[in-house]
Each structure stands twice: as structure tokens, then as C-alpha cells.
Amino acid sequence: MADIRPQYNEEAVGANHPTKADVINRAFNVGHDEDGTHGNT
């Protein structure tokens, strides 16, 4: 699996930003479905 942790050169952006990817919650989003279950692990 690729390293999904935020990197030093990325801007700290959270959920629902209109034009930028969610960096802060990326690791959580990869491991969880939208309802919070652990379906993607």
C-alpha cells in the first residue's frame, strides 16, 4: 500500500473544500466506508 500519510509539502486541507483534496482525513477515509464501518481494510 502506498504511503497515505500527509507529507510536509502538502497543504493541510480538511473535508468539503471546494477545490482541494482532503489531506487531513485521508488516512481515515481510506480505511472506512462513508457510514464509518471498516469495509475498505
PDB file of N, CA and C in Angstrom:
ATOM      1  N   MET A   1       0.846  -1.181   0.000  1.00  0.00           N
ATOM      2  CA  MET A   1       0.000   0.000   0.000  1.00  0.00           C
ATOM      3  C   MET A   1       0.891   1.245   0.000  1.00  0.00           C
ATOM      4  N   ALA A   2       0.472   2.220  -0.713  1.00  0.00           N
ATOM      5  CA  ALA A   2       1.206   3.488  -0.786  1.00  0.00           C
ATOM      6  C   ALA A   2       1.113   4.238   0.545  1.00  0.00           C
ATOM      7  N   ASP A   3       2.068   5.111   0.787  1.00  0.00           N
ATOM      8  CA  ASP A   3       2.076   5.931   1.997  1.00  0.00           C
ATOM      9  C   ASP A   3       1.000   7.012   1.867  1.00  0.00           C
ATOM     10  N   ILE A   4      -0.046   6.918   2.678  1.00  0.00           N
ATOM     11  CA  ILE A   4      -1.177   7.850   2.593  1.00  0.00           C
ATOM     12  C   ILE A   4      -1.111   8.947   3.647  1.00  0.00           C
ATOM     13  N   ARG A   5      -0.027   8.947   4.449  1.00  0.00           N
ATOM     14  CA  ARG A   5       0.103   9.978   5.482  1.00  0.00           C
ATOM     15  C   ARG A   5       0.326  11.342   4.842  1.00  0.00           C
ATOM     16  N   PRO A   6      -0.157  12.416   5.482  1.00  0.00           N
ATOM     17  CA  PRO A   6       0.121  13.760   4.963  1.00  0.00           C
ATOM     18  C   PRO A   6       1.626  14.006   4.906  1.00  0.00           C
ATOM     19  N   GLN A   7       2.092  14.613   3.841  1.00  0.00           N
ATOM     20  CA  GLN A   7       3.507  14.886   3.649  1.00  0.00           C
ATOM     21  C   GLN A   7       3.810  16.348   3.954  1.00  0.00           C
ATOM     22  N   TYR A   8       5.077  16.656   4.194  1.00  0.00           N
ATOM     23  CA  TYR A   8       5.484  18.003   4.605  1.00  0.00           C
ATOM     24  C   TYR A   8       5.175  19.067   3.560  1.00  0.00           C
ATOM     25  N   ASN A   9       5.104  18.687   2.312  1.00  0.00           N
ATOM     26  CA  ASN A   9       4.887  19.674   1.254  1.00  0.00           C
ATOM     27  C   ASN A   9       3.416  19.811   0.846  1.00  0.00           C
ATOM     28  N   GLU A  10       2.514  19.146   1.560  1.00  0.00           N
ATOM     29  CA  GLU A  10       1.089  19.246   1.262  1.00  0.00           C
ATOM     30  C   GLU A  10       0.428  20.291   2.157  1.00  0.00           C
ATOM     31  N   GLU A  11      -0.545  20.969   1.604  1.00  0.00           N
ATOM     32  CA  GLU A  11      -1.311  21.950   2.366  1.00  0.00           C
ATOM     33  C   GLU A  11      -2.330  21.213   3.234  1.00  0.00           C
ATOM     34  N   ALA A  12      -2.446  21.596   4.490  1.00  0.00           N
ATOM     35  CA  ALA A  12      -3.376  20.951   5.416  1.00  0.00           C
ATOM     36  C   ALA A  12      -4.800  21.406   5.106  1.00  0.00           C
ATOM     37  N   VAL A  13      -5.517  20.589   4.352  1.00  0.00           N
ATOM     38  CA  VAL A  13      -6.884  20.894   3.928  1.00  0.00           C
ATOM     39  C   VAL A  13      -7.807  19.823   4.491  1.00  0.00           C
ATOM     40  N   GLY A  14      -8.923  20.244   5.056  1.00  0.00           N
ATOM     41  CA  GLY A  14      -9.893  19.316   5.616  1.00  0.00           C
ATOM     42  C   GLY A  14     -11.014  18.993   4.643  1.00  0.00           C
ATOM     43  N   ALA A  15     -12.039  18.369   5.161  1.00  0.00           N
ATOM     44  CA  ALA A  15     -13.163  17.912   4.350  1.00  0.00           C
ATOM     45  C   ALA A  15     -13.959  19.069   3.755  1.00  0.00           C
ATOM     46  N   ASN A  16     -14.593  18.801   2.631  1.00  0.00           N
ATOM     47  CA  ASN A  16     -15.542  19.696   1.958  1.00  0.00           C
ATOM     48  C   ASN A  16     -14.942  20.974   1.385  1.00  0.00           C
ATOM     49  N   HIS A  17     -13.648  20.984   1.134  1.00  0.00           N
ATOM     50  CA  HIS A  17     -13.057  22.148   0.458  1.00  0.00           C
ATOM     51  C   HIS A  17     -13.513  22.104  -0.998  1.00  0.00           C
ATOM     52  N   PRO A  18     -13.909  23.233  -1.577  1.00  0.00           N
ATOM     53  CA  PRO A  18     -14.483  23.211  -2.928  1.00  0.00           C
ATOM     54  C   PRO A  18     -13.516  22.819  -4.043  1.00  0.00           C
ATOM     55  N   THR A  19     -12.214  23.041  -3.881  1.00  0.00           N
ATOM     56  CA  THR A  19     -11.297  22.753  -4.990  1.00  0.00           C
ATOM     57  C   THR A  19     -10.089  21.901  -4.622  1.00  0.00           C
ATOM     58  N   LYS A  20      -9.851  21.661  -3.342  1.00  0.00           N
ATOM     59  CA  LYS A  20      -8.651  20.921  -2.937  1.00  0.00           C
ATOM     60  C   LYS A  20      -9.005  19.592  -2.290  1.00  0.00           C
ATOM     61  N   ALA A  21      -8.088  18.643  -2.387  1.00  0.00           N
ATOM     62  CA  ALA A  21      -8.299  17.313  -1.818  1.00  0.00           C
ATOM     63  C   ALA A  21      -8.183  17.350  -0.295  1.00  0.00           C
ATOM     64  N   ASP A  22      -8.930  16.476   0.361  1.00  0.00           N
ATOM     65  CA  ASP A  22      -8.902  16.358   1.815  1.00  0.00           C
ATOM     66  C   ASP A  22      -7.633  15.626   2.233  1.00  0.00           C
ATOM     67  N   VAL A  23      -6.680  16.343   2.786  1.00  0.00           N
ATOM     68  CA  VAL A  23      -5.413  15.761   3.221  1.00  0.00           C
ATOM     69  C   VAL A  23      -5.497  15.309   4.677  1.00  0.00           C
ATOM     70  N   ILE A  24      -6.144  16.093   5.517  1.00  0.00           N
ATOM     71  CA  ILE A  24      -6.183  15.816   6.954  1.00  0.00           C
ATOM     72  C   ILE A  24      -6.859  14.478   7.248  1.00  0.00           C
ATOM     73  N   ASN A  25      -7.940  14.169   6.582  1.00  0.00           N
ATOM     74  CA  ASN A  25      -8.721  12.960   6.865  1.00  0.00           C
ATOM     75  C   ASN A  25      -8.436  11.810   5.909  1.00  0.00           C
ATOM     76  N   ARG A  26      -7.417  11.919   5.078  1.00  0.00           N
ATOM     77  CA  ARG A  26      -7.149  10.916   4.044  1.00  0.00           C
ATOM     78  C   ARG A  26      -6.977   9.507   4.616  1.00  0.00           C
ATOM     79  N   ALA A  27      -6.174   9.340   5.641  1.00  0.00           N
ATOM     80  CA  ALA A  27      -5.936   8.004   6.196  1.00  0.00           C
ATOM     81  C   ALA A  27      -7.225   7.401   6.747  1.00  0.00           C
ATOM     82  N   PHE A  28      -8.039   8.208   7.407  1.00  0.00           N
ATOM     83  CA  PHE A  28      -9.318   7.728   7.928  1.00  0.00           C
ATOM     84  C   PHE A  28     -10.243   7.328   6.786  1.00  0.00           C
ATOM     85  N   ASN A  29     -10.307   8.148   5.746  1.00  0.00           N
ATOM     86  CA  ASN A  29     -11.210   7.884   4.626  1.00  0.00           C
ATOM     87  C   ASN A  29     -10.840   6.613   3.878  1.00  0.00           C
ATOM     88  N   VAL A  30      -9.570   6.292   3.787  1.00  0.00           N
ATOM     89  CA  VAL A  30      -9.137   5.082   3.091  1.00  0.00           C
ATOM     90  C   VAL A  30      -9.577   3.843   3.856  1.00  0.00           C
ATOM     91  N   GLY A  31      -9.527   3.882   5.179  1.00  0.00           N
ATOM     92  CA  GLY A  31      -9.838   2.716   5.994  1.00  0.00           C
ATOM     93  C   GLY A  31     -11.296   2.540   6.352  1.00  0.00           C
ATOM     94  N   HIS A  32     -12.167   3.475   6.004  1.00  0.00           N
ATOM     95  CA  HIS A  32     -13.561   3.425   6.422  1.00  0.00           C
ATOM     96  C   HIS A  32     -14.517   3.722   5.264  1.00  0.00           C
ATOM     97  N   ASP A  33     -15.680   3.082   5.332  1.00  0.00           N
ATOM     98  CA  ASP A  33     -16.756   3.422   4.407  1.00  0.00           C
ATOM     99  C   ASP A  33     -17.414   4.719   4.878  1.00  0.00           C
ATOM    100  N   GLU A  34     -18.323   5.262   4.077  1.00  0.00           N
ATOM    101  CA  GLU A  34     -18.991   6.519   4.426  1.00  0.00           C
ATOM    102  C   GLU A  34     -19.787   6.426   5.725  1.00  0.00           C
ATOM    103  N   ASP A  35     -20.273   5.227   6.063  1.00  0.00           N
ATOM    104  CA  ASP A  35     -21.047   5.070   7.298  1.00  0.00           C
ATOM    105  C   ASP A  35     -20.166   4.795   8.517  1.00  0.00           C
ATOM    106  N   GLY A  36     -18.840   4.795   8.340  1.00  0.00           N
ATOM    107  CA  GLY A  36     -17.917   4.616   9.456  1.00  0.00           C
ATOM    108  C   GLY A  36     -17.468   3.192   9.699  1.00  0.00           C
ATOM    109  N   THR A  37     -18.023   2.235   8.955  1.00  0.00           N
ATOM    110  CA  THR A  37     -17.607   0.846   9.130  1.00  0.00           C
ATOM    111  C   THR A  37     -16.253   0.613   8.472  1.00  0.00           C
ATOM    112  N   HIS A  38     -15.608  -0.477   8.852  1.00  0.00           N
ATOM    113  CA  HIS A  38     -14.270  -0.792   8.350  1.00  0.00           C
ATOM    114  C   HIS A  38     -14.334  -1.684   7.118  1.00  0.00           C
ATOM    115  N   GLY A  39     -15.014  -1.250   6.106  1.00  0.00           N
ATOM    116  CA  GLY A  39     -15.194  -2.061   4.916  1.00  0.00           C
ATOM    117  C   GLY A  39     -14.037  -2.041   3.948  1.00  0.00           C
ATOM    118  N   ASN A  40     -13.198  -1.003   3.971  1.00  0.00           N
ATOM    119  CA  ASN A  40     -12.130  -0.874   2.983  1.00  0.00           C
ATOM    120  C   ASN A  40     -10.795  -1.428   3.438  1.00  0.00           C
ATOM    121  N   THR A  41     -10.733  -2.068   4.575  1.00  0.00           N
ATOM    122  CA  THR A  41      -9.446  -2.563   5.065  1.00  0.00           C
ATOM    123  C   THR A  41      -9.148  -3.936   4.550  1.00  0.00           C
TER     124      THR A  41
END
